[in-house]
């Protein structure tokens, strides 16, 4: 959506951003438990999404044990469903994962084909993963589960090193100095709930 189209569109974008950060806050609470249980988590957005530029998002990706996967939909069978059906669509994806990685999700467009627009009715259709993407994800999860089973990984009873490291990173994060008047920034990733109050970034 283009916020410059109308005030109604701009308002819609702001409401979507508000909802996203509400859900994001809950997601952070889950990451601590993911680490403790050797579980797996994923976060996916288009590579060009402005949310990636937010300091909260950057700290979550860079300040935790995450794996970033960047790939283009056209290399994984993403095609237009309506106008010029069957034409490849180059949707630039980014998936960040915790506790699992997907070795096959790193291929970007090789320039060997033309692309249809990722716009209009096609936009909603491209929200779905293709069969090839799904197979890559399932294969990665299966391999990680086998590794966890082989090493007897169930949960971390006495391993507080990562939690301490995360807490240390939270305290030293430069972003806090910028936002601490408004946001108890990122304390929730170590198990303590945070509240963003009424402060929200206009990031779209």
N, C-alpha and C. Protein backbone atom coordinates (compact mmCIF):
# COMPACT_ATOMS: atom_id res chain seq x y z
N UNK A 1 0.83 -1.20 0.00
CA UNK A 1 0.00 0.00 0.00
C UNK A 1 0.87 1.25 0.00
N UNK A 2 0.38 2.27 -0.66
CA UNK A 2 1.09 3.53 -0.74
C UNK A 2 0.38 4.55 0.16
N UNK A 3 1.06 5.01 1.20
CA UNK A 3 0.42 5.92 2.16
C UNK A 3 0.12 7.28 1.55
N UNK A 4 0.69 7.56 0.39
CA UNK A 4 0.45 8.85 -0.26
C UNK A 4 -0.82 8.87 -1.10
N UNK A 5 -1.48 7.72 -1.23
CA UNK A 5 -2.68 7.66 -2.05
C UNK A 5 -3.82 8.48 -1.44
N UNK A 6 -4.01 8.33 -0.15
CA UNK A 6 -5.10 9.04 0.52
C UNK A 6 -4.88 8.98 2.02
N UNK A 7 -5.60 9.81 2.74
CA UNK A 7 -5.50 9.79 4.20
C UNK A 7 -6.04 8.47 4.74
N UNK A 8 -7.07 7.93 4.08
CA UNK A 8 -7.64 6.65 4.52
C UNK A 8 -6.61 5.53 4.40
N UNK A 9 -5.86 5.53 3.29
CA UNK A 9 -4.82 4.53 3.10
C UNK A 9 -3.71 4.69 4.12
N UNK A 10 -3.31 5.95 4.38
CA UNK A 10 -2.27 6.21 5.37
C UNK A 10 -2.71 5.74 6.75
N UNK A 11 -3.99 5.98 7.08
CA UNK A 11 -4.51 5.53 8.37
C UNK A 11 -4.49 4.01 8.45
N UNK A 12 -4.88 3.35 7.37
CA UNK A 12 -4.88 1.88 7.33
C UNK A 12 -3.48 1.34 7.56
N UNK A 13 -2.48 1.99 6.96
CA UNK A 13 -1.09 1.56 7.13
C UNK A 13 -0.65 1.73 8.57
N UNK A 14 -1.02 2.85 9.19
CA UNK A 14 -0.65 3.09 10.58
C UNK A 14 -1.27 2.04 11.51
N UNK A 15 -2.52 1.66 11.23
CA UNK A 15 -3.18 0.66 12.05
C UNK A 15 -2.53 -0.71 11.90
N UNK A 16 -2.12 -1.02 10.67
CA UNK A 16 -1.43 -2.30 10.44
C UNK A 16 -0.09 -2.31 11.16
N UNK A 17 0.61 -1.18 11.14
CA UNK A 17 1.89 -1.11 11.84
C UNK A 17 1.68 -1.25 13.35
N UNK A 18 0.64 -0.62 13.87
CA UNK A 18 0.33 -0.73 15.29
C UNK A 18 0.09 -2.18 15.68
N UNK A 19 -0.71 -2.89 14.86
CA UNK A 19 -1.00 -4.30 15.13
C UNK A 19 0.26 -5.14 15.03
N UNK A 20 1.09 -4.84 14.02
CA UNK A 20 2.33 -5.61 13.86
C UNK A 20 3.19 -5.54 15.10
N UNK A 21 3.39 -4.35 15.66
CA UNK A 21 4.27 -4.22 16.81
C UNK A 21 3.66 -4.79 18.08
N UNK A 22 2.35 -4.83 18.15
CA UNK A 22 1.70 -5.53 19.26
C UNK A 22 2.00 -7.02 19.18
N UNK A 23 1.85 -7.60 17.99
CA UNK A 23 2.15 -9.02 17.80
C UNK A 23 3.63 -9.30 17.97
N UNK A 24 4.46 -8.39 17.51
CA UNK A 24 5.92 -8.53 17.62
C UNK A 24 6.35 -8.62 19.07
N UNK A 25 5.72 -7.83 19.92
CA UNK A 25 6.06 -7.85 21.34
C UNK A 25 5.79 -9.23 21.93
N UNK A 26 4.66 -9.83 21.55
CA UNK A 26 4.35 -11.17 22.03
C UNK A 26 5.34 -12.20 21.47
N UNK A 27 5.74 -11.99 20.23
CA UNK A 27 6.71 -12.90 19.61
C UNK A 27 8.03 -12.90 20.38
N UNK A 28 8.44 -11.74 20.85
CA UNK A 28 9.68 -11.66 21.62
C UNK A 28 9.61 -12.50 22.88
N UNK A 29 8.46 -12.50 23.51
CA UNK A 29 8.30 -13.30 24.72
C UNK A 29 8.49 -14.78 24.42
N UNK A 30 8.08 -15.18 23.22
CA UNK A 30 8.21 -16.59 22.84
C UNK A 30 9.67 -16.97 22.58
N UNK A 31 10.49 -16.02 22.14
CA UNK A 31 11.87 -16.35 21.77
C UNK A 31 12.67 -16.88 22.95
N UNK A 32 12.43 -16.33 24.13
CA UNK A 32 13.13 -16.83 25.30
C UNK A 32 12.80 -18.30 25.53
N UNK A 33 11.55 -18.65 25.40
CA UNK A 33 11.13 -20.04 25.59
C UNK A 33 11.67 -20.92 24.47
N UNK A 34 11.73 -20.38 23.27
CA UNK A 34 12.31 -21.13 22.14
C UNK A 34 13.75 -21.53 22.46
N UNK A 35 14.51 -20.61 23.00
CA UNK A 35 15.90 -20.91 23.35
C UNK A 35 15.98 -21.98 24.43
N UNK A 36 15.13 -21.88 25.43
CA UNK A 36 15.18 -22.82 26.54
C UNK A 36 14.83 -24.24 26.11
N UNK A 37 13.94 -24.38 25.15
CA UNK A 37 13.44 -25.70 24.76
C UNK A 37 14.10 -26.26 23.51
N UNK A 38 15.14 -25.59 23.00
CA UNK A 38 15.72 -25.97 21.71
C UNK A 38 14.62 -26.06 20.65
N UNK A 39 13.68 -25.16 20.72
CA UNK A 39 12.58 -25.14 19.77
C UNK A 39 12.97 -24.28 18.56
N UNK A 40 12.02 -24.06 17.68
CA UNK A 40 12.29 -23.34 16.44
C UNK A 40 11.27 -22.22 16.27
N UNK A 41 11.71 -21.13 15.66
CA UNK A 41 10.83 -20.00 15.38
C UNK A 41 11.25 -19.34 14.08
N UNK A 42 10.29 -18.71 13.43
CA UNK A 42 10.55 -18.03 12.16
C UNK A 42 9.84 -16.69 12.12
N UNK A 43 10.44 -15.75 11.43
CA UNK A 43 9.82 -14.45 11.15
C UNK A 43 10.06 -14.14 9.68
N UNK A 44 9.00 -13.85 8.96
CA UNK A 44 9.13 -13.62 7.52
C UNK A 44 8.44 -12.34 7.10
N UNK A 45 9.17 -11.53 6.32
CA UNK A 45 8.63 -10.32 5.72
C UNK A 45 9.34 -10.10 4.38
N UNK A 46 8.74 -9.34 3.47
CA UNK A 46 9.47 -8.98 2.26
C UNK A 46 10.76 -8.24 2.60
N UNK A 47 11.80 -8.42 1.79
CA UNK A 47 13.09 -7.80 2.11
C UNK A 47 13.02 -6.28 2.14
N UNK A 48 12.13 -5.69 1.36
CA UNK A 48 12.03 -4.24 1.30
C UNK A 48 11.14 -3.63 2.35
N UNK A 49 10.58 -4.45 3.24
CA UNK A 49 9.67 -3.93 4.27
C UNK A 49 10.41 -2.99 5.21
N UNK A 50 9.81 -1.86 5.51
CA UNK A 50 10.45 -0.86 6.37
C UNK A 50 10.63 -1.35 7.80
N UNK A 51 9.87 -2.34 8.20
CA UNK A 51 10.00 -2.85 9.56
C UNK A 51 11.42 -3.33 9.86
N UNK A 52 12.11 -3.84 8.85
CA UNK A 52 13.48 -4.32 9.06
C UNK A 52 14.41 -3.21 9.51
N UNK A 53 14.08 -1.96 9.18
CA UNK A 53 14.95 -0.84 9.52
C UNK A 53 14.71 -0.30 10.92
N UNK A 54 13.68 -0.78 11.57
CA UNK A 54 13.39 -0.32 12.92
C UNK A 54 14.45 -0.87 13.88
N UNK A 55 14.88 -0.04 14.84
CA UNK A 55 15.94 -0.45 15.76
C UNK A 55 15.56 -1.67 16.58
N UNK A 56 14.29 -1.80 16.92
CA UNK A 56 13.85 -2.97 17.67
C UNK A 56 14.04 -4.24 16.87
N UNK A 57 13.69 -4.17 15.59
CA UNK A 57 13.84 -5.33 14.73
C UNK A 57 15.31 -5.67 14.51
N UNK A 58 16.13 -4.64 14.27
CA UNK A 58 17.56 -4.89 14.03
C UNK A 58 18.22 -5.51 15.25
N UNK A 59 17.84 -5.07 16.44
CA UNK A 59 18.44 -5.66 17.62
C UNK A 59 17.98 -7.09 17.83
N UNK A 60 16.74 -7.40 17.51
CA UNK A 60 16.25 -8.76 17.64
C UNK A 60 17.02 -9.70 16.72
N UNK A 61 17.30 -9.26 15.51
CA UNK A 61 18.01 -10.11 14.54
C UNK A 61 19.49 -10.21 14.88
N UNK A 62 20.11 -9.07 15.17
CA UNK A 62 21.55 -9.05 15.39
C UNK A 62 21.95 -9.44 16.81
N UNK A 63 21.04 -9.28 17.77
CA UNK A 63 21.38 -9.54 19.16
C UNK A 63 20.99 -10.91 19.65
N UNK A 64 20.53 -11.77 18.75
CA UNK A 64 20.16 -13.13 19.12
C UNK A 64 20.83 -14.11 18.16
N UNK A 65 20.75 -15.38 18.48
CA UNK A 65 21.36 -16.42 17.66
C UNK A 65 20.42 -16.78 16.51
N UNK A 66 20.37 -15.92 15.52
CA UNK A 66 19.42 -16.08 14.41
C UNK A 66 20.14 -16.39 13.11
N UNK A 67 19.38 -16.87 12.15
CA UNK A 67 19.90 -17.12 10.80
C UNK A 67 19.02 -16.37 9.81
N UNK A 68 19.63 -15.59 8.94
CA UNK A 68 18.89 -14.80 7.96
C UNK A 68 18.94 -15.50 6.60
N UNK A 69 17.76 -15.67 6.00
CA UNK A 69 17.66 -16.28 4.67
C UNK A 69 17.04 -15.26 3.73
N UNK A 70 17.73 -14.96 2.64
CA UNK A 70 17.20 -14.04 1.64
C UNK A 70 17.13 -14.76 0.30
N UNK A 71 15.98 -14.67 -0.35
CA UNK A 71 15.78 -15.38 -1.61
C UNK A 71 14.67 -14.71 -2.40
N UNK A 72 14.61 -15.01 -3.69
CA UNK A 72 13.60 -14.44 -4.57
C UNK A 72 12.58 -15.50 -4.97
N UNK A 73 11.31 -15.12 -4.90
CA UNK A 73 10.24 -16.07 -5.17
C UNK A 73 10.29 -16.69 -6.55
N UNK A 74 10.78 -15.94 -7.54
CA UNK A 74 10.80 -16.47 -8.91
C UNK A 74 11.67 -17.72 -9.04
N UNK A 75 12.63 -17.89 -8.14
CA UNK A 75 13.52 -19.05 -8.18
C UNK A 75 12.92 -20.24 -7.43
N UNK A 76 11.75 -20.02 -6.86
CA UNK A 76 11.09 -21.08 -6.09
C UNK A 76 9.66 -21.32 -6.58
N UNK A 77 9.43 -21.00 -7.86
CA UNK A 77 8.16 -21.33 -8.48
C UNK A 77 7.03 -20.36 -8.26
N UNK A 78 7.33 -19.14 -7.80
CA UNK A 78 6.28 -18.15 -7.60
C UNK A 78 5.89 -17.55 -8.95
N UNK A 79 4.60 -17.69 -9.31
CA UNK A 79 4.13 -17.24 -10.62
C UNK A 79 2.82 -16.48 -10.48
N UNK A 80 2.56 -15.63 -11.45
CA UNK A 80 1.33 -14.85 -11.46
C UNK A 80 0.12 -15.77 -11.62
N UNK A 81 -0.98 -15.39 -10.96
CA UNK A 81 -2.19 -16.20 -10.99
C UNK A 81 -3.29 -15.58 -11.85
N UNK A 82 -3.13 -14.31 -12.21
CA UNK A 82 -4.20 -13.62 -12.90
C UNK A 82 -3.72 -13.13 -14.27
N UNK A 83 -3.30 -11.87 -14.37
CA UNK A 83 -2.83 -11.36 -15.64
C UNK A 83 -1.52 -12.04 -16.03
N UNK A 84 -1.44 -12.46 -17.30
CA UNK A 84 -0.25 -13.18 -17.78
C UNK A 84 0.07 -14.34 -16.84
N UNK A 85 -0.94 -15.14 -16.55
CA UNK A 85 -0.79 -16.26 -15.62
C UNK A 85 0.39 -17.15 -16.01
N UNK A 86 1.16 -17.53 -15.02
CA UNK A 86 2.31 -18.40 -15.25
C UNK A 86 3.63 -17.66 -15.37
N UNK A 87 3.56 -16.30 -15.40
CA UNK A 87 4.79 -15.50 -15.46
C UNK A 87 5.44 -15.44 -14.08
N UNK A 88 6.75 -15.61 -14.06
CA UNK A 88 7.46 -15.60 -12.78
C UNK A 88 7.31 -14.25 -12.08
N UNK A 89 7.18 -14.28 -10.77
CA UNK A 89 7.11 -13.07 -9.96
C UNK A 89 8.33 -13.04 -9.05
N UNK A 90 9.06 -11.94 -9.12
CA UNK A 90 10.26 -11.79 -8.29
C UNK A 90 9.88 -11.10 -6.98
N UNK A 91 9.45 -11.91 -6.03
CA UNK A 91 9.15 -11.36 -4.71
C UNK A 91 10.38 -11.56 -3.83
N UNK A 92 11.01 -10.47 -3.37
CA UNK A 92 12.22 -10.61 -2.54
C UNK A 92 11.85 -10.91 -1.09
N UNK A 93 12.06 -12.15 -0.67
CA UNK A 93 11.70 -12.59 0.67
C UNK A 93 12.89 -12.52 1.62
N UNK A 94 12.58 -12.37 2.89
CA UNK A 94 13.58 -12.56 3.95
C UNK A 94 12.92 -13.32 5.09
N UNK A 95 13.54 -14.43 5.47
CA UNK A 95 13.09 -15.22 6.62
C UNK A 95 14.21 -15.24 7.65
N UNK A 96 13.89 -14.87 8.87
CA UNK A 96 14.84 -15.00 9.97
C UNK A 96 14.36 -16.16 10.84
N UNK A 97 15.27 -17.05 11.17
CA UNK A 97 14.89 -18.23 11.95
C UNK A 97 15.77 -18.36 13.18
N UNK A 98 15.21 -19.03 14.18
CA UNK A 98 15.92 -19.34 15.41
C UNK A 98 15.79 -20.84 15.66
N UNK A 99 16.89 -21.49 16.00
CA UNK A 99 16.85 -22.92 16.30
C UNK A 99 16.81 -23.81 15.10
N UNK A 100 16.84 -23.25 13.91
CA UNK A 100 16.81 -24.03 12.68
C UNK A 100 17.29 -23.14 11.54
N UNK A 101 17.88 -23.76 10.52
CA UNK A 101 18.27 -23.02 9.33
C UNK A 101 17.85 -23.80 8.10
N UNK A 102 17.71 -23.10 6.99
CA UNK A 102 17.23 -23.70 5.75
C UNK A 102 18.28 -23.46 4.66
N UNK A 103 19.09 -24.47 4.43
CA UNK A 103 20.25 -24.31 3.55
C UNK A 103 19.85 -24.03 2.11
N UNK A 104 18.62 -24.38 1.74
CA UNK A 104 18.17 -24.21 0.35
C UNK A 104 17.49 -22.87 0.10
N UNK A 105 17.32 -22.06 1.11
CA UNK A 105 16.59 -20.80 0.94
C UNK A 105 17.55 -19.61 0.87
N UNK A 106 18.36 -19.60 -0.17
CA UNK A 106 19.31 -18.50 -0.34
C UNK A 106 19.47 -18.11 -1.82
N UNK A 107 18.62 -18.63 -2.68
CA UNK A 107 18.79 -18.41 -4.11
C UNK A 107 18.06 -17.15 -4.58
N UNK A 108 18.79 -16.24 -5.20
CA UNK A 108 18.19 -15.03 -5.75
C UNK A 108 18.12 -15.14 -7.27
N UNK A 109 17.34 -14.27 -7.87
CA UNK A 109 17.08 -14.33 -9.31
C UNK A 109 18.37 -14.37 -10.11
N UNK A 110 18.42 -15.28 -11.08
CA UNK A 110 19.62 -15.42 -11.92
C UNK A 110 19.51 -14.62 -13.22
N UNK A 111 18.39 -13.89 -13.39
CA UNK A 111 18.23 -13.04 -14.56
C UNK A 111 17.91 -13.77 -15.84
N UNK A 112 17.54 -15.02 -15.75
CA UNK A 112 17.31 -15.82 -16.95
C UNK A 112 15.87 -15.76 -17.45
N UNK A 113 15.01 -14.96 -16.82
CA UNK A 113 13.61 -14.93 -17.17
C UNK A 113 13.03 -13.54 -16.91
N UNK A 114 11.87 -13.29 -17.48
CA UNK A 114 11.18 -12.03 -17.24
C UNK A 114 10.26 -12.18 -16.03
N UNK A 115 9.76 -11.06 -15.53
CA UNK A 115 8.93 -11.07 -14.34
C UNK A 115 7.60 -10.35 -14.57
N UNK A 116 6.58 -10.86 -13.91
CA UNK A 116 5.32 -10.16 -13.86
C UNK A 116 5.29 -9.29 -12.62
N UNK A 117 4.41 -8.29 -12.56
CA UNK A 117 4.37 -7.38 -11.40
C UNK A 117 3.78 -8.06 -10.17
N UNK A 118 4.36 -7.74 -9.03
CA UNK A 118 3.80 -8.20 -7.75
C UNK A 118 2.94 -7.06 -7.23
N UNK A 119 1.75 -6.93 -7.79
CA UNK A 119 0.88 -5.80 -7.48
C UNK A 119 -0.57 -6.20 -7.70
N UNK A 120 -1.48 -5.37 -7.20
CA UNK A 120 -2.90 -5.63 -7.40
C UNK A 120 -3.32 -6.95 -6.78
N UNK A 121 -4.12 -7.71 -7.55
CA UNK A 121 -4.61 -8.99 -7.05
C UNK A 121 -3.49 -9.98 -6.79
N UNK A 122 -2.38 -9.82 -7.50
CA UNK A 122 -1.27 -10.76 -7.34
C UNK A 122 -0.64 -10.66 -5.95
N UNK A 123 -0.72 -9.47 -5.34
CA UNK A 123 -0.05 -9.26 -4.05
C UNK A 123 -0.54 -10.24 -3.00
N UNK A 124 -1.85 -10.40 -2.88
CA UNK A 124 -2.39 -11.32 -1.87
C UNK A 124 -2.00 -12.76 -2.18
N UNK A 125 -2.00 -13.12 -3.46
CA UNK A 125 -1.65 -14.49 -3.83
C UNK A 125 -0.20 -14.82 -3.47
N UNK A 126 0.67 -13.81 -3.53
CA UNK A 126 2.09 -14.06 -3.24
C UNK A 126 2.37 -14.17 -1.75
N UNK A 127 1.35 -13.99 -0.92
CA UNK A 127 1.54 -14.19 0.52
C UNK A 127 1.68 -15.67 0.86
N UNK A 128 1.29 -16.53 -0.05
CA UNK A 128 1.38 -17.97 0.18
C UNK A 128 2.74 -18.48 -0.29
N UNK A 129 3.30 -19.42 0.47
CA UNK A 129 4.55 -20.06 0.05
C UNK A 129 4.28 -21.06 -1.07
N UNK A 130 5.22 -21.15 -1.98
CA UNK A 130 5.12 -22.15 -3.04
C UNK A 130 5.47 -23.52 -2.48
N UNK A 131 5.16 -24.56 -3.25
CA UNK A 131 5.48 -25.92 -2.82
C UNK A 131 6.98 -26.08 -2.58
N UNK A 132 7.78 -25.45 -3.42
CA UNK A 132 9.23 -25.59 -3.29
C UNK A 132 9.73 -24.95 -2.00
N UNK A 133 9.19 -23.79 -1.65
CA UNK A 133 9.58 -23.14 -0.39
C UNK A 133 9.17 -23.99 0.80
N UNK A 134 7.95 -24.52 0.74
CA UNK A 134 7.46 -25.37 1.83
C UNK A 134 8.35 -26.59 2.01
N UNK A 135 8.75 -27.21 0.91
CA UNK A 135 9.63 -28.38 1.01
C UNK A 135 10.97 -28.02 1.64
N UNK A 136 11.51 -26.87 1.29
CA UNK A 136 12.78 -26.43 1.88
C UNK A 136 12.65 -26.25 3.39
N UNK A 137 11.54 -25.65 3.82
CA UNK A 137 11.32 -25.41 5.24
C UNK A 137 11.12 -26.72 5.99
N UNK A 138 10.29 -27.61 5.45
CA UNK A 138 10.04 -28.89 6.10
C UNK A 138 11.32 -29.71 6.19
N UNK A 139 12.11 -29.69 5.14
CA UNK A 139 13.38 -30.43 5.15
C UNK A 139 14.31 -29.88 6.23
N UNK A 140 14.38 -28.56 6.35
CA UNK A 140 15.23 -27.97 7.38
C UNK A 140 14.77 -28.31 8.78
N UNK A 141 13.45 -28.28 9.00
CA UNK A 141 12.90 -28.63 10.31
C UNK A 141 13.16 -30.10 10.64
N UNK A 142 12.95 -30.96 9.65
CA UNK A 142 13.19 -32.39 9.87
C UNK A 142 14.64 -32.65 10.23
N UNK A 143 15.56 -32.04 9.50
CA UNK A 143 16.99 -32.25 9.78
C UNK A 143 17.36 -31.74 11.17
N UNK A 144 16.78 -30.60 11.56
CA UNK A 144 17.09 -30.06 12.88
C UNK A 144 16.53 -30.94 13.98
N UNK A 145 15.35 -31.49 13.78
CA UNK A 145 14.76 -32.38 14.76
C UNK A 145 15.61 -33.64 14.94
N UNK A 146 16.14 -34.15 13.84
CA UNK A 146 17.01 -35.32 13.92
C UNK A 146 18.28 -35.00 14.70
N UNK A 147 18.84 -33.81 14.46
CA UNK A 147 20.03 -33.39 15.20
C UNK A 147 19.74 -33.24 16.68
N UNK A 148 18.63 -32.61 17.00
CA UNK A 148 18.26 -32.43 18.40
C UNK A 148 18.07 -33.77 19.10
N UNK A 149 17.45 -34.72 18.38
CA UNK A 149 17.24 -36.04 18.95
C UNK A 149 18.57 -36.76 19.14
N UNK A 150 19.46 -36.64 18.16
CA UNK A 150 20.76 -37.32 18.23
C UNK A 150 21.59 -36.82 19.40
N UNK A 151 21.48 -35.52 19.71
CA UNK A 151 22.26 -34.94 20.79
C UNK A 151 21.48 -34.86 22.10
N UNK A 152 20.29 -35.46 22.11
CA UNK A 152 19.50 -35.48 23.34
C UNK A 152 19.05 -34.12 23.81
N UNK A 153 18.81 -33.21 22.88
CA UNK A 153 18.40 -31.85 23.26
C UNK A 153 16.90 -31.82 23.55
N UNK A 154 16.55 -31.51 24.78
CA UNK A 154 15.15 -31.37 25.18
C UNK A 154 14.87 -29.97 25.70
N UNK A 155 15.63 -29.59 26.73
CA UNK A 155 15.51 -28.23 27.24
C UNK A 155 16.76 -27.89 28.01
N UNK A 156 16.98 -26.63 28.25
CA UNK A 156 18.19 -26.15 28.92
C UNK A 156 17.89 -25.93 30.39
N UNK A 157 18.26 -26.91 31.23
CA UNK A 157 18.00 -26.76 32.66
C UNK A 157 19.00 -25.83 33.32
N UNK A 158 20.26 -25.98 32.95
CA UNK A 158 21.31 -25.25 33.66
C UNK A 158 22.09 -24.32 32.76
N UNK A 159 21.64 -24.16 31.54
CA UNK A 159 22.38 -23.33 30.60
C UNK A 159 21.81 -21.94 30.59
N UNK A 160 22.42 -21.06 31.36
CA UNK A 160 21.96 -19.67 31.42
C UNK A 160 22.87 -18.73 30.66
N UNK A 161 23.87 -19.30 29.97
CA UNK A 161 24.86 -18.46 29.31
C UNK A 161 24.22 -17.57 28.26
N UNK A 162 23.34 -18.15 27.45
CA UNK A 162 22.74 -17.37 26.39
C UNK A 162 21.83 -16.29 26.94
N UNK A 163 21.05 -16.69 27.99
CA UNK A 163 20.18 -15.69 28.59
C UNK A 163 20.96 -14.55 29.18
N UNK A 164 22.10 -14.86 29.82
CA UNK A 164 22.93 -13.81 30.39
C UNK A 164 23.51 -12.94 29.29
N UNK A 165 23.90 -13.58 28.18
CA UNK A 165 24.46 -12.82 27.07
C UNK A 165 23.42 -11.89 26.48
N UNK A 166 22.19 -12.39 26.34
CA UNK A 166 21.12 -11.56 25.81
C UNK A 166 20.84 -10.38 26.73
N UNK A 167 20.83 -10.68 28.05
CA UNK A 167 20.57 -9.60 29.00
C UNK A 167 21.67 -8.56 28.95
N UNK A 168 22.91 -9.02 28.78
CA UNK A 168 24.02 -8.09 28.67
C UNK A 168 23.90 -7.24 27.43
N UNK A 169 23.48 -7.86 26.33
CA UNK A 169 23.31 -7.13 25.07
C UNK A 169 22.18 -6.13 25.18
N UNK A 170 21.13 -6.51 25.90
CA UNK A 170 20.01 -5.59 26.09
C UNK A 170 20.48 -4.35 26.82
N UNK A 171 21.27 -4.54 27.90
CA UNK A 171 21.72 -3.41 28.69
C UNK A 171 22.66 -2.51 27.91
N UNK A 172 23.44 -3.11 27.00
CA UNK A 172 24.45 -2.32 26.31
C UNK A 172 23.98 -1.79 24.97
N UNK A 173 22.75 -2.15 24.57
CA UNK A 173 22.27 -1.75 23.26
C UNK A 173 22.14 -0.23 23.17
N UNK A 174 22.75 0.34 22.14
CA UNK A 174 22.72 1.79 21.98
C UNK A 174 21.32 2.31 21.72
N UNK A 175 20.45 1.41 21.23
CA UNK A 175 19.09 1.85 20.92
C UNK A 175 18.37 2.31 22.17
N UNK A 176 18.71 1.73 23.32
CA UNK A 176 18.00 2.08 24.54
C UNK A 176 18.17 3.55 24.86
N UNK A 177 19.37 4.07 24.65
CA UNK A 177 19.61 5.48 24.96
C UNK A 177 18.70 6.39 24.16
N UNK A 178 18.35 5.93 22.95
CA UNK A 178 17.51 6.74 22.09
C UNK A 178 16.04 6.68 22.51
N UNK A 179 15.60 5.47 22.94
CA UNK A 179 14.18 5.26 23.16
C UNK A 179 13.78 5.07 24.61
N UNK A 180 14.74 5.11 25.55
CA UNK A 180 14.41 4.71 26.91
C UNK A 180 13.41 5.62 27.59
N UNK A 181 13.21 6.81 27.06
CA UNK A 181 12.21 7.69 27.64
C UNK A 181 10.80 7.23 27.28
N UNK A 182 10.72 6.38 26.25
CA UNK A 182 9.42 5.97 25.76
C UNK A 182 9.21 4.47 25.85
N UNK A 183 10.28 3.67 25.70
CA UNK A 183 10.13 2.23 25.56
C UNK A 183 11.10 1.50 26.49
N UNK A 184 10.61 0.66 27.39
CA UNK A 184 11.51 -0.24 28.12
C UNK A 184 12.02 -1.30 27.15
N UNK A 185 13.02 -0.94 26.39
CA UNK A 185 13.38 -1.63 25.15
C UNK A 185 13.98 -3.00 25.37
N UNK A 186 13.29 -4.01 24.85
CA UNK A 186 13.82 -5.35 24.72
C UNK A 186 14.05 -6.11 26.02
N UNK A 187 13.59 -5.60 27.16
CA UNK A 187 13.79 -6.40 28.36
C UNK A 187 12.98 -7.68 28.30
N UNK A 188 11.94 -7.70 27.46
CA UNK A 188 11.11 -8.90 27.42
C UNK A 188 11.79 -10.09 26.77
N UNK A 189 12.87 -9.90 26.04
CA UNK A 189 13.50 -11.05 25.41
C UNK A 189 14.19 -11.95 26.43
N UNK A 190 14.44 -11.43 27.62
CA UNK A 190 15.03 -12.25 28.67
C UNK A 190 13.99 -12.66 29.71
N UNK A 191 12.74 -12.52 29.34
CA UNK A 191 11.69 -13.06 30.18
C UNK A 191 10.91 -12.03 30.97
N UNK A 192 11.30 -10.77 30.94
CA UNK A 192 10.57 -9.74 31.66
C UNK A 192 9.70 -8.96 30.69
N UNK A 193 8.39 -8.92 30.91
CA UNK A 193 7.51 -8.25 29.95
C UNK A 193 7.85 -6.78 29.80
N UNK A 194 7.69 -6.27 28.59
CA UNK A 194 7.89 -4.84 28.37
C UNK A 194 6.58 -4.20 27.97
N UNK A 195 6.55 -2.90 28.04
CA UNK A 195 5.38 -2.16 27.61
C UNK A 195 5.84 -1.00 26.78
N UNK A 196 5.33 -0.89 25.57
CA UNK A 196 5.73 0.20 24.70
C UNK A 196 4.87 1.44 24.91
N UNK A 197 3.92 1.35 25.85
CA UNK A 197 3.09 2.52 26.12
C UNK A 197 2.35 2.96 24.88
N UNK A 198 2.28 4.26 24.67
CA UNK A 198 1.59 4.80 23.51
C UNK A 198 2.54 5.18 22.40
N UNK A 199 3.83 4.91 22.60
CA UNK A 199 4.83 5.31 21.62
C UNK A 199 4.91 4.29 20.50
N UNK A 200 4.74 4.73 19.26
CA UNK A 200 4.89 3.85 18.10
C UNK A 200 5.63 4.62 17.02
N UNK A 201 6.48 3.91 16.25
CA UNK A 201 7.17 4.54 15.14
C UNK A 201 6.29 4.53 13.90
N UNK A 202 6.33 5.58 13.14
CA UNK A 202 5.70 5.58 11.82
C UNK A 202 6.75 5.06 10.86
N UNK A 203 6.75 3.75 10.63
CA UNK A 203 7.84 3.13 9.90
C UNK A 203 7.46 2.71 8.50
N UNK A 204 6.27 3.09 8.06
CA UNK A 204 5.86 2.69 6.72
C UNK A 204 5.68 3.90 5.84
